[in-house]
Amino acid sequence: MSLYGNGLFNDPPPPGLPYAKQIVQLLEAKFTTALLWSIHVHPNGDLYYNDTPLVQNQQFKLSAEFIRNVKTLHGGGVKELLISIGAWGTATDFTNLDASWNSGGSANLQTLFSTLPITAVDFDYEGDYGTDAQNLIVDLTKKIAGLKVGVTYCPYTATSFWTGCLQKVYSDMNSQPVRYMNLQCYAGGAGNDPRSWVSAVKSAGAGITNPGAFIVPGYWVANGSEGNTCPAALQSTLASLAGSGIDGAFLWNSGDMFANESPNSPLCSNNSTMPDAYANAIRTGLSATTASV
């Protein structure tokens, strides 16, 4: 049960909801995975957390408070902590990382990993889907795996591109370092059927033994504009995947969730939009999905 944290613990001061309360709410809701979104890579390999310097020249730049908040969240029950690289319109994050790998990119990542308890790197690649792009993703997957952390992919389209990446990585490494796909089922991916992605992964033959668990669908929390998924709708959507083998889901995104949380939200027919309401919806909805595919 995952949450994409857009700028988590690095909001413009003061944060809308104090960080201590954010941590308490996430831990009480029993989220198991958090992703720090979005990490951008500059041409020299410097890492930025959205627009804020994160690691430059192997020096960690964010505050001790940020480190403490992340470690408190991780130590309190969020066992998987990922960084998510990229976003819509930022495919250069990946070309920059590849080009700077030996001149700063790899070293800056290792500085980040030694500072924060990062368990995997999420690829939110949303560029073109040609052969060169596929080779780039495969190359970076292998390089990240070489740093002894996991990899996840975050697609919203181009099923064959992503399964092709899995196949090439598996062929080259004779193992599969990609742990799962965070499938966007909102915005550009709103029409995605997670079951079709399960079938595609199953057919790919890329060293994935549990295709259902490999696909983790994600939905945008209610925020009054583009986000429109209330807890009740989320539970129903996940329950409709019964028999798929899917056993996880993620929420997009922390900023919208904390900004619009309410025990009686007008966005959701005066029902709760608190983090625990979303977490309970995921748990209840997923309870129907875990039969083998």
Protein backbone atom coordinates (compact mmCIF):
# COMPACT_ATOMS: atom_id res chain seq x y z
CA MET A 1 0.00 0.00 0.00
CA SER A 2 1.88 2.97 -1.38
CA LEU A 3 1.75 6.75 -1.50
CA TYR A 4 3.50 9.04 -3.96
CA GLY A 5 4.76 11.92 -1.86
CA ASN A 6 5.02 14.93 -4.16
CA GLY A 7 7.53 17.08 -2.33
CA LEU A 8 6.86 15.14 0.86
CA PHE A 9 8.44 16.93 3.85
CA ASN A 10 9.72 19.71 1.58
CA ASP A 11 6.72 22.00 1.13
CA PRO A 12 7.05 25.79 0.98
CA PRO A 13 6.97 26.89 4.64
CA PRO A 14 4.83 26.53 6.54
CA PRO A 15 3.39 23.20 5.37
CA GLY A 16 -0.39 23.06 5.16
CA LEU A 17 -0.39 20.20 7.64
CA PRO A 18 2.52 20.00 10.11
CA TYR A 19 4.95 17.24 9.21
CA ALA A 20 4.56 15.57 12.59
CA LYS A 21 0.83 15.17 11.89
CA GLN A 22 1.52 13.88 8.38
CA ILE A 23 3.78 11.20 9.81
CA VAL A 24 1.27 10.19 12.48
CA GLN A 25 -1.56 9.93 9.96
CA LEU A 26 0.47 7.84 7.50
CA LEU A 27 1.69 5.48 10.20
CA GLU A 28 -1.75 5.11 11.77
CA ALA A 29 -3.16 4.31 8.32
CA LYS A 30 -0.43 1.65 7.98
CA PHE A 31 0.99 2.65 4.62
CA THR A 32 3.85 0.31 3.82
CA THR A 33 5.58 2.20 0.99
CA ALA A 34 6.33 5.86 0.32
CA LEU A 35 7.88 7.38 -2.77
CA LEU A 36 9.69 10.72 -2.76
CA TRP A 37 8.54 12.37 -5.98
CA SER A 38 10.04 13.79 -8.04
CA ILE A 39 13.79 13.53 -8.32
CA HIS A 40 15.28 15.43 -11.27
CA VAL A 41 18.78 14.93 -12.64
CA HIS A 42 20.71 17.88 -14.03
CA PRO A 43 23.28 17.50 -16.84
CA ASN A 44 26.19 17.33 -14.38
CA GLY A 45 24.50 14.60 -12.34
CA ASP A 46 23.27 16.84 -9.52
CA LEU A 47 20.00 15.65 -7.99
CA TYR A 48 17.07 17.92 -7.23
CA TYR A 49 13.93 17.18 -5.23
CA ASN A 50 11.50 18.96 -7.52
CA ASP A 51 13.20 22.40 -7.67
CA THR A 52 15.24 22.05 -4.48
CA PRO A 53 18.89 20.92 -4.52
CA LEU A 54 19.09 17.44 -3.00
CA VAL A 55 22.62 16.19 -3.73
CA GLN A 56 25.31 18.29 -5.39
CA ASN A 57 28.90 17.15 -5.82
CA GLN A 58 28.24 14.26 -3.42
CA GLN A 59 26.99 16.63 -0.72
CA PHE A 60 23.49 16.17 0.69
CA LYS A 61 21.76 19.55 0.69
CA LEU A 62 18.43 19.20 2.49
CA SER A 63 18.01 19.85 6.19
CA ALA A 64 18.54 17.60 9.17
CA GLU A 65 14.79 17.97 9.80
CA PHE A 66 14.04 16.45 6.39
CA ILE A 67 16.33 13.50 7.12
CA ARG A 68 14.73 13.03 10.52
CA ASN A 69 11.19 13.08 9.11
CA VAL A 70 12.01 10.55 6.41
CA LYS A 71 13.74 8.23 8.86
CA THR A 72 10.88 8.54 11.36
CA LEU A 73 8.40 7.54 8.68
CA HIS A 74 10.57 4.64 7.57
CA GLY A 75 11.29 3.44 11.08
CA GLY A 76 7.65 3.66 12.11
CA GLY A 77 6.24 1.16 9.67
CA VAL A 78 6.83 2.43 6.14
CA LYS A 79 9.34 -0.25 5.24
CA GLU A 80 9.85 0.56 1.56
CA LEU A 81 11.16 4.03 0.75
CA LEU A 82 11.67 4.87 -2.91
CA ILE A 83 12.83 7.84 -4.89
CA SER A 84 10.90 8.46 -8.09
CA ILE A 85 12.88 9.92 -10.99
CA GLY A 86 11.12 11.81 -13.76
CA ALA A 87 7.62 13.05 -14.53
CA TRP A 88 5.69 14.24 -17.55
CA GLY A 89 7.98 16.35 -19.75
CA THR A 90 11.21 15.47 -17.92
CA ALA A 91 12.65 12.62 -19.97
CA THR A 92 15.99 14.44 -19.82
CA ASP A 93 16.28 13.25 -16.21
CA PHE A 94 17.08 9.83 -17.64
CA THR A 95 19.42 10.95 -20.42
CA ASN A 96 21.20 13.22 -17.93
CA LEU A 97 21.63 10.39 -15.44
CA ASP A 98 23.00 8.07 -18.09
CA ALA A 99 25.38 10.67 -19.53
CA SER A 100 26.67 11.75 -16.11
CA TRP A 101 26.86 8.28 -14.58
CA ASN A 102 30.65 8.17 -14.38
CA SER A 103 31.12 11.89 -13.71
CA GLY A 104 28.71 12.52 -10.86
CA GLY A 105 25.36 10.81 -11.34
CA SER A 106 26.26 7.48 -9.77
CA ALA A 107 28.24 9.06 -6.94
CA ASN A 108 25.40 11.45 -6.11
CA LEU A 109 22.93 8.57 -5.98
CA GLN A 110 25.23 6.69 -3.64
CA THR A 111 25.43 9.76 -1.40
CA LEU A 112 21.64 9.82 -1.32
CA PHE A 113 21.47 6.12 -0.50
CA SER A 114 23.97 6.51 2.34
CA THR A 115 21.94 9.40 3.81
CA LEU A 116 18.40 8.07 3.48
CA PRO A 117 17.16 4.46 3.78
CA ILE A 118 16.24 4.19 0.09
CA THR A 119 15.20 0.69 -0.96
CA ALA A 120 14.47 1.23 -4.66
CA VAL A 121 14.39 3.72 -7.53
CA ASP A 122 11.15 4.31 -9.41
CA PHE A 123 11.31 5.20 -13.11
CA ASP A 124 8.55 7.69 -13.95
CA TYR A 125 9.67 7.87 -17.58
CA GLU A 126 7.16 9.63 -19.82
CA GLY A 127 9.08 10.36 -23.02
CA ASP A 128 9.12 8.71 -26.42
CA TYR A 129 8.93 4.94 -26.68
CA GLY A 130 11.34 4.06 -29.46
CA THR A 131 14.28 1.67 -29.50
CA ASP A 132 16.78 4.21 -28.19
CA ALA A 133 14.53 5.04 -25.25
CA GLN A 134 14.07 1.36 -24.45
CA ASN A 135 17.83 0.81 -24.53
CA LEU A 136 18.24 3.79 -22.19
CA ILE A 137 15.76 2.41 -19.65
CA VAL A 138 17.35 -1.04 -19.82
CA ASP A 139 20.83 0.41 -19.34
CA LEU A 140 19.78 2.50 -16.35
CA THR A 141 17.88 -0.40 -14.82
CA LYS A 142 21.04 -2.48 -14.85
CA LYS A 143 23.14 0.38 -13.50
CA ILE A 144 20.75 1.08 -10.62
CA ALA A 145 20.61 -2.63 -9.82
CA GLY A 146 24.40 -2.56 -9.65
CA LEU A 147 24.10 -0.13 -6.74
CA LYS A 148 22.28 -2.85 -4.77
CA VAL A 149 18.85 -1.22 -4.68
CA GLY A 150 15.68 -2.30 -6.42
CA VAL A 151 13.96 -0.76 -9.44
CA THR A 152 10.30 -0.12 -10.16
CA TYR A 153 8.67 1.21 -13.32
CA CYS A 154 5.81 3.72 -13.35
CA PRO A 155 4.10 3.47 -16.76
CA TYR A 156 0.91 5.09 -17.95
CA THR A 157 1.02 3.80 -21.53
CA ALA A 158 3.06 1.73 -24.02
CA THR A 159 2.64 -1.76 -22.59
CA SER A 160 4.93 -3.39 -25.15
CA PHE A 161 7.68 -0.86 -24.49
CA TRP A 162 7.74 -1.67 -20.80
CA THR A 163 7.43 -5.43 -21.16
CA GLY A 164 10.22 -5.19 -23.72
CA CYS A 165 12.38 -3.47 -21.12
CA LEU A 166 11.67 -6.31 -18.71
CA GLN A 167 12.59 -8.90 -21.33
CA LYS A 168 15.87 -7.22 -22.25
CA VAL A 169 16.91 -6.70 -18.64
CA TYR A 170 16.15 -10.32 -17.85
CA SER A 171 18.02 -11.55 -20.92
CA ASP A 172 21.08 -9.44 -20.09
CA MET A 173 21.21 -10.18 -16.36
CA ASN A 174 19.63 -13.63 -16.12
CA SER A 175 17.68 -12.18 -13.21
CA GLN A 176 14.96 -9.56 -12.82
CA PRO A 177 15.81 -6.56 -10.61
CA VAL A 178 12.52 -4.79 -11.41
CA ARG A 179 10.29 -5.46 -8.42
CA TYR A 180 6.97 -4.25 -9.78
CA MET A 181 5.19 -1.69 -11.95
CA ASN A 182 3.32 1.25 -10.44
CA LEU A 183 0.62 1.50 -13.10
CA GLN A 184 -0.91 4.95 -13.48
CA CYS A 185 -4.69 4.63 -13.72
CA TYR A 186 -5.33 8.38 -13.73
CA ALA A 187 -4.64 11.37 -16.01
CA GLY A 188 -3.07 9.97 -19.20
CA GLY A 189 -3.44 6.44 -17.83
CA ALA A 190 -7.08 6.81 -16.79
CA GLY A 191 -8.19 4.17 -19.29
CA ASN A 192 -5.76 1.51 -18.13
CA ASP A 193 -7.11 -1.90 -17.19
CA PRO A 194 -4.65 -3.40 -14.70
CA ARG A 195 -5.74 -6.91 -15.73
CA SER A 196 -4.48 -6.37 -19.28
CA TRP A 197 -1.10 -5.36 -17.90
CA VAL A 198 -1.04 -8.48 -15.74
CA SER A 199 -1.66 -10.55 -18.87
CA ALA A 200 1.08 -8.71 -20.76
CA VAL A 201 3.61 -9.29 -18.00
CA LYS A 202 2.59 -12.93 -17.78
CA SER A 203 3.17 -13.35 -21.52
CA ALA A 204 6.51 -11.53 -21.49
CA GLY A 205 8.44 -14.39 -19.90
CA ALA A 206 10.80 -12.00 -18.15
CA GLY A 207 11.52 -13.83 -14.91
CA ILE A 208 8.41 -12.59 -13.11
CA THR A 209 6.84 -15.41 -11.13
CA ASN A 210 3.75 -13.55 -9.88
CA PRO A 211 2.39 -11.24 -12.60
CA GLY A 212 -0.64 -10.21 -10.53
CA ALA A 213 1.44 -8.93 -7.64
CA PHE A 214 3.81 -7.28 -10.13
CA ILE A 215 1.15 -4.78 -11.23
CA VAL A 216 0.34 -2.13 -8.62
CA PRO A 217 -2.43 0.15 -9.91
CA GLY A 218 -2.60 3.74 -8.72
CA TYR A 219 -5.43 6.25 -8.42
CA TRP A 220 -5.63 10.01 -7.86
CA VAL A 221 -7.22 11.05 -4.60
CA ALA A 222 -10.13 13.49 -4.60
CA ASN A 223 -9.02 17.11 -4.83
CA GLY A 224 -11.86 18.96 -6.52
CA SER A 225 -10.23 19.16 -9.96
CA GLU A 226 -8.40 16.37 -11.79
CA GLY A 227 -8.26 14.00 -8.85
CA ASN A 228 -11.65 12.36 -8.50
CA THR A 229 -11.28 9.06 -6.67
CA CYS A 230 -13.08 8.93 -3.33
CA PRO A 231 -12.40 6.06 -0.90
CA ALA A 232 -15.69 4.29 -1.69
CA ALA A 233 -14.99 4.41 -5.43
CA LEU A 234 -11.44 3.21 -4.87
CA GLN A 235 -12.66 0.23 -2.85
CA SER A 236 -15.17 -0.66 -5.56
CA THR A 237 -12.58 -0.32 -8.33
CA LEU A 238 -10.10 -2.58 -6.57
CA ALA A 239 -12.80 -5.13 -5.71
CA SER A 240 -13.68 -5.30 -9.42
CA LEU A 241 -10.21 -6.73 -10.04
CA ALA A 242 -11.13 -9.92 -8.18
CA GLY A 243 -9.24 -12.93 -9.45
CA SER A 244 -6.45 -10.88 -11.01
CA GLY A 245 -3.90 -11.66 -8.32
CA ILE A 246 -3.27 -7.95 -7.78
CA ASP A 247 -2.40 -7.42 -4.12
CA GLY A 248 -1.25 -3.80 -3.93
CA ALA A 249 -2.28 -0.29 -4.92
CA PHE A 250 -0.93 3.22 -4.66
CA LEU A 251 -2.34 6.70 -4.17
CA TRP A 252 -1.44 9.76 -6.16
CA ASN A 253 -0.59 12.02 -4.29
CA SER A 254 0.29 13.19 -0.78
CA GLY A 255 -0.10 16.90 -1.48
CA ASP A 256 -3.68 16.57 -2.64
CA MET A 257 -4.53 14.14 0.13
CA PHE A 258 -3.27 16.33 2.96
CA ALA A 259 -4.67 19.53 1.42
CA ASN A 260 -8.17 18.09 1.09
CA GLU A 261 -8.43 15.70 4.00
CA SER A 262 -11.61 15.85 6.03
CA PRO A 263 -13.72 13.41 8.05
CA ASN A 264 -16.77 14.82 6.23
CA SER A 265 -15.55 15.94 2.84
CA PRO A 266 -17.93 17.64 0.39
CA LEU A 267 -15.70 16.20 -2.34
CA CYS A 268 -16.89 12.71 -1.40
CA SER A 269 -20.54 13.15 -0.41
CA ASN A 270 -19.54 14.20 3.11
CA ASN A 271 -17.61 10.99 3.66
CA SER A 272 -14.05 10.83 4.94
CA THR A 273 -11.05 11.66 2.78
CA MET A 274 -8.59 11.10 5.62
CA PRO A 275 -5.53 8.94 4.91
CA ASP A 276 -6.94 6.06 6.96
CA ALA A 277 -10.14 6.09 4.87
CA TYR A 278 -8.10 5.61 1.71
CA ALA A 279 -5.94 2.96 3.35
CA ASN A 280 -8.97 1.02 4.55
CA ALA A 281 -10.50 1.25 1.07
CA ILE A 282 -7.36 -0.26 -0.42
CA ARG A 283 -7.22 -3.08 2.12
CA THR A 284 -10.90 -3.93 1.78
CA GLY A 285 -10.94 -3.69 -1.99
CA LEU A 286 -7.81 -5.79 -2.41
CA SER A 287 -9.15 -8.55 -0.18
CA ALA A 288 -11.14 -9.76 -3.18
CA THR A 289 -8.33 -9.68 -5.73
CA THR A 290 -5.74 -12.14 -4.53
CA ALA A 291 -6.97 -15.37 -6.10
CA SER A 292 -4.35 -16.67 -8.52
CA VAL A 293 -4.58 -15.42 -12.09
